[in-house]
Amino acid sequence: MHAMAARAGRLAVEVVVTRGWTMNMIEVVLAMMILAVVIGFVGWVIAGRRAAAEERRQRPARLRDAELVFVERQFRSSGRWPVVARVDRVYRNPSGILVLVELKTRASPMVTRSDVIQLSAQRMAMEDELHVTVADEAYVLIPRGHRGTSLIPLPVNLMAREEVEDLMRRREALQRGLVEPRWPASQRTCRACGFRDRCGLAP
């Protein structure tokens, strides 16, 4: 009897110890999981604040007090020649007018014809879909130097809606073979053309 009682006592102690150890391990694991979530959340908040501060530092001076309202958002215009355009950044200045900003990576700080067309098409798409007013002047941001730690803001005067529609009308005529294409001023533009393989006159 005494032997059986001792054995039962030892078994009870083993059960209590084992269950207590298991409970302690569960608590430790839960604490570690909570700690990991907290650390991840704090890191996310810090990264977000750094990104916001960096974005504000990169803005053109005229947009210091503006509100960033859209980032990498797609819009679509209406009409006979609908335009689908994806914007990089859009700011709302204190007067309520939206300003387009496009980020580019190129060796020389310059605004190209394609920049003007792209931003003008973006404005038309945004105005048609949102029924808002977009400024006549936009910006192209180009990295300064090889490291690109800062951006050079270049103002862009946008085309009128009629000019964009004229380009779309000409594009349709070119695709239908109704007009002859005009050669670009630079052969580099010709080599990068998306219709080069279909052009029998390309050098």
C-alpha atoms as a PDB file:
ATOM      1  CA  MET A   1       0.000   0.000   0.000  1.00  0.00           C
ATOM      2  CA  HIS A   2       2.733   2.404   0.984  1.00  0.00           C
ATOM      3  CA  ALA A   3       4.620   1.574  -2.193  1.00  0.00           C
ATOM      4  CA  MET A   4       1.515   2.140  -4.291  1.00  0.00           C
ATOM      5  CA  ALA A   5       0.785   5.431  -2.507  1.00  0.00           C
ATOM      6  CA  ALA A   6       4.350   6.641  -3.057  1.00  0.00           C
ATOM      7  CA  ARG A   7       4.195   5.689  -6.699  1.00  0.00           C
ATOM      8  CA  ALA A   8       0.878   7.493  -7.104  1.00  0.00           C
ATOM      9  CA  GLY A   9       2.330  10.552  -5.349  1.00  0.00           C
ATOM     10  CA  ARG A  10       5.344  10.617  -7.646  1.00  0.00           C
ATOM     11  CA  LEU A  11       3.047  10.285 -10.681  1.00  0.00           C
ATOM     12  CA  ALA A  12       0.887  13.174  -9.453  1.00  0.00           C
ATOM     13  CA  VAL A  13       3.975  15.375  -8.991  1.00  0.00           C
ATOM     14  CA  GLU A  14       5.192  14.452 -12.476  1.00  0.00           C
ATOM     15  CA  VAL A  15       1.803  15.390 -13.967  1.00  0.00           C
ATOM     16  CA  VAL A  16       1.718  18.720 -12.130  1.00  0.00           C
ATOM     17  CA  VAL A  17       5.286  19.568 -13.091  1.00  0.00           C
ATOM     18  CA  THR A  18       4.771  18.515 -16.695  1.00  0.00           C
ATOM     19  CA  ARG A  19       1.536  20.481 -17.027  1.00  0.00           C
ATOM     20  CA  GLY A  20       3.079  23.523 -15.362  1.00  0.00           C
ATOM     21  CA  TRP A  21       6.110  23.394 -17.651  1.00  0.00           C
ATOM     22  CA  THR A  22       3.804  23.067 -20.664  1.00  0.00           C
ATOM     23  CA  MET A  23       1.749  26.054 -19.559  1.00  0.00           C
ATOM     24  CA  ASN A  24       4.912  28.096 -19.019  1.00  0.00           C
ATOM     25  CA  MET A  25       6.135  27.227 -22.523  1.00  0.00           C
ATOM     26  CA  ILE A  26       2.799  28.271 -24.014  1.00  0.00           C
ATOM     27  CA  GLU A  27       2.990  31.588 -22.198  1.00  0.00           C
ATOM     28  CA  VAL A  28       6.556  32.132 -23.416  1.00  0.00           C
ATOM     29  CA  VAL A  29       5.605  31.352 -27.016  1.00  0.00           C
ATOM     30  CA  LEU A  30       2.601  33.679 -26.826  1.00  0.00           C
ATOM     31  CA  ALA A  31       4.745  36.430 -25.334  1.00  0.00           C
ATOM     32  CA  MET A  32       7.317  36.008 -28.095  1.00  0.00           C
ATOM     33  CA  MET A  33       4.591  36.158 -30.745  1.00  0.00           C
ATOM     34  CA  ILE A  34       3.124  39.321 -29.238  1.00  0.00           C
ATOM     35  CA  LEU A  35       6.582  40.857 -29.001  1.00  0.00           C
ATOM     36  CA  ALA A  36       7.275  40.036 -32.651  1.00  0.00           C
ATOM     37  CA  VAL A  37       3.976  41.642 -33.686  1.00  0.00           C
ATOM     38  CA  VAL A  38       4.735  44.764 -31.646  1.00  0.00           C
ATOM     39  CA  ILE A  39       8.253  45.037 -33.061  1.00  0.00           C
ATOM     40  CA  GLY A  40       6.919  44.572 -36.586  1.00  0.00           C
ATOM     41  CA  PHE A  41       4.249  47.215 -36.062  1.00  0.00           C
ATOM     42  CA  VAL A  42       6.727  49.712 -34.616  1.00  0.00           C
ATOM     43  CA  GLY A  43       9.098  49.050 -37.514  1.00  0.00           C
ATOM     44  CA  TRP A  44       6.253  49.556 -39.982  1.00  0.00           C
ATOM     45  CA  VAL A  45       5.305  52.874 -38.367  1.00  0.00           C
ATOM     46  CA  ILE A  46       8.914  54.086 -38.350  1.00  0.00           C
ATOM     47  CA  ALA A  47       9.412  53.046 -41.986  1.00  0.00           C
ATOM     48  CA  GLY A  48       6.192  54.806 -42.959  1.00  0.00           C
ATOM     49  CA  ARG A  49       7.251  58.005 -41.240  1.00  0.00           C
ATOM     50  CA  ARG A  50      10.667  57.891 -42.881  1.00  0.00           C
ATOM     51  CA  ALA A  51       9.092  57.315 -46.281  1.00  0.00           C
ATOM     52  CA  ALA A  52       6.673  60.195 -45.726  1.00  0.00           C
ATOM     53  CA  ALA A  53       9.520  62.482 -44.658  1.00  0.00           C
ATOM     54  CA  GLU A  54      11.566  61.437 -47.703  1.00  0.00           C
ATOM     55  CA  GLU A  55       8.625  62.017 -50.025  1.00  0.00           C
ATOM     56  CA  ARG A  56       8.044  65.473 -48.549  1.00  0.00           C
ATOM     57  CA  ARG A  57      11.728  66.306 -48.931  1.00  0.00           C
ATOM     58  CA  GLN A  58      11.638  65.338 -52.603  1.00  0.00           C
ATOM     59  CA  ARG A  59       8.676  67.543 -53.472  1.00  0.00           C
ATOM     60  CA  PRO A  60       9.008  70.620 -55.660  1.00  0.00           C
ATOM     61  CA  ALA A  61       9.092  73.792 -53.568  1.00  0.00           C
ATOM     62  CA  ARG A  62       5.644  74.849 -54.792  1.00  0.00           C
ATOM     63  CA  LEU A  63       4.125  71.658 -53.400  1.00  0.00           C
ATOM     64  CA  ARG A  64       5.507  71.899 -49.859  1.00  0.00           C
ATOM     65  CA  ASP A  65       2.069  72.687 -48.436  1.00  0.00           C
ATOM     66  CA  ALA A  66       0.159  70.365 -50.766  1.00  0.00           C
ATOM     67  CA  GLU A  67      -1.510  67.088 -49.824  1.00  0.00           C
ATOM     68  CA  LEU A  68      -0.460  63.832 -51.475  1.00  0.00           C
ATOM     69  CA  VAL A  69      -3.753  62.301 -52.619  1.00  0.00           C
ATOM     70  CA  PHE A  70      -2.871  59.601 -55.182  1.00  0.00           C
ATOM     71  CA  VAL A  71       0.108  57.290 -55.673  1.00  0.00           C
ATOM     72  CA  GLU A  72       0.365  54.917 -58.657  1.00  0.00           C
ATOM     73  CA  ARG A  73      -3.326  55.098 -59.462  1.00  0.00           C
ATOM     74  CA  GLN A  74      -4.961  54.370 -62.808  1.00  0.00           C
ATOM     75  CA  PHE A  75      -7.615  56.587 -64.420  1.00  0.00           C
ATOM     76  CA  ARG A  76      -9.655  56.403 -67.604  1.00  0.00           C
ATOM     77  CA  SER A  77     -11.042  59.166 -69.782  1.00  0.00           C
ATOM     78  CA  SER A  78     -14.303  59.139 -71.713  1.00  0.00           C
ATOM     79  CA  GLY A  79     -15.071  60.132 -75.266  1.00  0.00           C
ATOM     80  CA  ARG A  80     -14.346  58.682 -78.676  1.00  0.00           C
ATOM     81  CA  TRP A  81     -10.683  58.005 -77.859  1.00  0.00           C
ATOM     82  CA  PRO A  82     -10.602  56.841 -74.228  1.00  0.00           C
ATOM     83  CA  VAL A  83      -7.262  57.205 -72.480  1.00  0.00           C
ATOM     84  CA  VAL A  84      -6.103  54.875 -69.717  1.00  0.00           C
ATOM     85  CA  ALA A  85      -3.347  56.551 -67.724  1.00  0.00           C
ATOM     86  CA  ARG A  86      -1.474  55.580 -64.592  1.00  0.00           C
ATOM     87  CA  VAL A  87      -0.165  58.446 -62.478  1.00  0.00           C
ATOM     88  CA  ASP A  88       2.897  58.363 -60.245  1.00  0.00           C
ATOM     89  CA  ARG A  89       1.908  61.047 -57.743  1.00  0.00           C
ATOM     90  CA  VAL A  90      -0.901  63.571 -57.517  1.00  0.00           C
ATOM     91  CA  TYR A  91      -0.996  66.465 -55.044  1.00  0.00           C
ATOM     92  CA  ARG A  92      -3.841  68.739 -54.023  1.00  0.00           C
ATOM     93  CA  ASN A  93      -2.683  72.281 -53.331  1.00  0.00           C
ATOM     94  CA  PRO A  94      -4.443  74.516 -50.786  1.00  0.00           C
ATOM     95  CA  SER A  95      -6.706  75.944 -53.518  1.00  0.00           C
ATOM     96  CA  GLY A  96      -8.030  72.452 -54.310  1.00  0.00           C
ATOM     97  CA  ILE A  97      -6.375  72.096 -57.721  1.00  0.00           C
ATOM     98  CA  LEU A  98      -4.589  68.817 -58.437  1.00  0.00           C
ATOM     99  CA  VAL A  99      -0.968  68.756 -59.612  1.00  0.00           C
ATOM    100  CA  LEU A 100       0.606  65.831 -61.459  1.00  0.00           C
ATOM    101  CA  VAL A 101       4.128  64.605 -60.705  1.00  0.00           C
ATOM    102  CA  GLU A 102       5.963  61.971 -62.735  1.00  0.00           C
ATOM    103  CA  LEU A 103       9.164  60.222 -61.615  1.00  0.00           C
ATOM    104  CA  LYS A 104      11.700  59.486 -64.328  1.00  0.00           C
ATOM    105  CA  THR A 105      15.146  57.888 -64.440  1.00  0.00           C
ATOM    106  CA  ARG A 106      17.426  59.321 -67.091  1.00  0.00           C
ATOM    107  CA  ALA A 107      20.991  60.552 -67.439  1.00  0.00           C
ATOM    108  CA  SER A 108      20.159  64.169 -68.310  1.00  0.00           C
ATOM    109  CA  PRO A 109      17.760  66.433 -66.394  1.00  0.00           C
ATOM    110  CA  MET A 110      15.447  67.303 -69.249  1.00  0.00           C
ATOM    111  CA  VAL A 111      11.768  67.169 -70.184  1.00  0.00           C
ATOM    112  CA  THR A 112      10.983  65.202 -73.332  1.00  0.00           C
ATOM    113  CA  ARG A 113       8.070  65.424 -75.713  1.00  0.00           C
ATOM    114  CA  SER A 114       6.848  62.061 -74.470  1.00  0.00           C
ATOM    115  CA  ASP A 115       6.762  63.461 -70.900  1.00  0.00           C
ATOM    116  CA  VAL A 116       4.475  66.264 -72.046  1.00  0.00           C
ATOM    117  CA  ILE A 117       2.168  63.866 -73.879  1.00  0.00           C
ATOM    118  CA  GLN A 118       2.084  61.371 -71.013  1.00  0.00           C
ATOM    119  CA  LEU A 119       1.252  63.946 -68.349  1.00  0.00           C
ATOM    120  CA  SER A 120      -1.299  65.656 -70.595  1.00  0.00           C
ATOM    121  CA  ALA A 121      -3.051  62.327 -71.147  1.00  0.00           C
ATOM    122  CA  GLN A 122      -3.004  61.721 -67.404  1.00  0.00           C
ATOM    123  CA  ARG A 123      -4.689  65.059 -66.810  1.00  0.00           C
ATOM    124  CA  MET A 124      -7.433  64.290 -69.327  1.00  0.00           C
ATOM    125  CA  ALA A 125      -8.080  60.869 -67.784  1.00  0.00           C
ATOM    126  CA  MET A 126      -8.248  62.272 -64.249  1.00  0.00           C
ATOM    127  CA  GLU A 127     -10.512  65.165 -65.164  1.00  0.00           C
ATOM    128  CA  ASP A 128     -12.928  62.866 -66.991  1.00  0.00           C
ATOM    129  CA  GLU A 129     -13.112  60.203 -64.286  1.00  0.00           C
ATOM    130  CA  LEU A 130     -13.059  62.389 -61.166  1.00  0.00           C
ATOM    131  CA  HIS A 131     -14.580  65.612 -62.573  1.00  0.00           C
ATOM    132  CA  VAL A 132     -11.855  67.683 -60.961  1.00  0.00           C
ATOM    133  CA  THR A 133      -9.539  70.486 -62.057  1.00  0.00           C
ATOM    134  CA  VAL A 134      -5.930  69.534 -62.798  1.00  0.00           C
ATOM    135  CA  ALA A 135      -3.287  72.257 -63.061  1.00  0.00           C
ATOM    136  CA  ASP A 136      -1.845  73.268 -66.429  1.00  0.00           C
ATOM    137  CA  GLU A 137       1.635  72.791 -65.001  1.00  0.00           C
ATOM    138  CA  ALA A 138       2.989  69.423 -63.865  1.00  0.00           C
ATOM    139  CA  TYR A 139       6.425  68.226 -62.754  1.00  0.00           C
ATOM    140  CA  VAL A 140       8.933  65.602 -63.779  1.00  0.00           C
ATOM    141  CA  LEU A 141      11.303  64.491 -61.006  1.00  0.00           C
ATOM    142  CA  ILE A 142      14.698  63.196 -62.105  1.00  0.00           C
ATOM    143  CA  PRO A 143      17.402  61.789 -59.763  1.00  0.00           C
ATOM    144  CA  ARG A 144      20.383  64.054 -59.227  1.00  0.00           C
ATOM    145  CA  GLY A 145      23.700  62.311 -59.881  1.00  0.00           C
ATOM    146  CA  HIS A 146      24.463  58.600 -59.893  1.00  0.00           C
ATOM    147  CA  ARG A 147      23.258  57.930 -56.353  1.00  0.00           C
ATOM    148  CA  GLY A 148      19.993  59.757 -56.855  1.00  0.00           C
ATOM    149  CA  THR A 149      19.788  60.872 -53.224  1.00  0.00           C
ATOM    150  CA  SER A 150      17.835  63.948 -54.308  1.00  0.00           C
ATOM    151  CA  LEU A 151      15.475  64.747 -57.162  1.00  0.00           C
ATOM    152  CA  ILE A 152      15.508  67.594 -59.656  1.00  0.00           C
ATOM    153  CA  PRO A 153      11.999  69.031 -60.233  1.00  0.00           C
ATOM    154  CA  LEU A 154      11.361  70.099 -63.821  1.00  0.00           C
ATOM    155  CA  PRO A 155       8.140  71.984 -64.632  1.00  0.00           C
ATOM    156  CA  VAL A 156       6.060  70.745 -67.572  1.00  0.00           C
ATOM    157  CA  ASN A 157       3.472  72.842 -69.415  1.00  0.00           C
ATOM    158  CA  LEU A 158       0.673  70.480 -70.355  1.00  0.00           C
ATOM    159  CA  MET A 159      -1.106  70.266 -73.681  1.00  0.00           C
ATOM    160  CA  ALA A 160      -4.711  71.296 -74.102  1.00  0.00           C
ATOM    161  CA  ARG A 161      -7.344  68.591 -74.423  1.00  0.00           C
ATOM    162  CA  GLU A 162      -7.777  69.389 -78.112  1.00  0.00           C
ATOM    163  CA  GLU A 163      -4.067  68.772 -78.736  1.00  0.00           C
ATOM    164  CA  VAL A 164      -4.214  65.389 -77.022  1.00  0.00           C
ATOM    165  CA  GLU A 165      -7.276  64.442 -79.041  1.00  0.00           C
ATOM    166  CA  ASP A 166      -5.470  65.476 -82.242  1.00  0.00           C
ATOM    167  CA  LEU A 167      -2.639  63.098 -81.359  1.00  0.00           C
ATOM    168  CA  MET A 168      -5.103  60.293 -80.719  1.00  0.00           C
ATOM    169  CA  ARG A 169      -6.827  61.007 -84.003  1.00  0.00           C
ATOM    170  CA  ARG A 170      -3.496  60.888 -85.831  1.00  0.00           C
ATOM    171  CA  ARG A 171      -2.574  57.650 -84.049  1.00  0.00           C
ATOM    172  CA  GLU A 172      -5.769  56.043 -85.299  1.00  0.00           C
ATOM    173  CA  ALA A 173      -5.072  57.287 -88.825  1.00  0.00           C
ATOM    174  CA  LEU A 174      -1.553  55.867 -88.675  1.00  0.00           C
ATOM    175  CA  GLN A 175      -2.825  52.483 -87.553  1.00  0.00           C
ATOM    176  CA  ARG A 176      -5.324  52.441 -90.414  1.00  0.00           C
ATOM    177  CA  GLY A 177      -2.655  53.469 -92.926  1.00  0.00           C
ATOM    178  CA  LEU A 178      -4.421  56.694 -93.850  1.00  0.00           C
ATOM    179  CA  VAL A 179      -1.397  58.954 -93.265  1.00  0.00           C
ATOM    180  CA  GLU A 180       2.351  58.578 -93.530  1.00  0.00           C
ATOM    181  CA  PRO A 181       4.432  58.602 -90.313  1.00  0.00           C
ATOM    182  CA  ARG A 182       6.863  61.415 -89.651  1.00  0.00           C
ATOM    183  CA  TRP A 183      10.435  60.504 -88.816  1.00  0.00           C
ATOM    184  CA  PRO A 184      11.570  61.465 -85.301  1.00  0.00           C
ATOM    185  CA  ALA A 185      14.359  63.959 -84.789  1.00  0.00           C
ATOM    186  CA  SER A 186      16.504  61.272 -83.146  1.00  0.00           C
ATOM    187  CA  GLN A 187      17.203  57.728 -84.331  1.00  0.00           C
ATOM    188  CA  ARG A 188      17.204  56.686 -80.684  1.00  0.00           C
ATOM    189  CA  THR A 189      13.484  57.433 -80.603  1.00  0.00           C
ATOM    190  CA  CYS A 190      13.013  55.315 -83.724  1.00  0.00           C
ATOM    191  CA  ARG A 191      14.911  52.377 -82.204  1.00  0.00           C
ATOM    192  CA  ALA A 192      12.733  52.486 -79.090  1.00  0.00           C
ATOM    193  CA  CYS A 193       9.455  52.705 -81.014  1.00  0.00           C
ATOM    194  CA  GLY A 194       6.926  50.013 -80.173  1.00  0.00           C
ATOM    195  CA  PHE A 195       5.883  49.773 -83.839  1.00  0.00           C
ATOM    196  CA  ARG A 196       9.414  49.342 -85.188  1.00  0.00           C
ATOM    197  CA  ASP A 197       8.882  45.674 -86.124  1.00  0.00           C
ATOM    198  CA  ARG A 198       5.837  46.642 -88.195  1.00  0.00           C
ATOM    199  CA  CYS A 199       7.631  49.495 -89.965  1.00  0.00           C
ATOM    200  CA  GLY A 200       9.221  48.577 -93.285  1.00  0.00           C
ATOM    201  CA  LEU A 201      11.161  51.855 -93.493  1.00  0.00           C
ATOM    202  CA  ALA A 202      12.966  51.809 -90.158  1.00  0.00           C
ATOM    203  CA  PRO A 203      16.768  52.032 -90.532  1.00  0.00           C
END
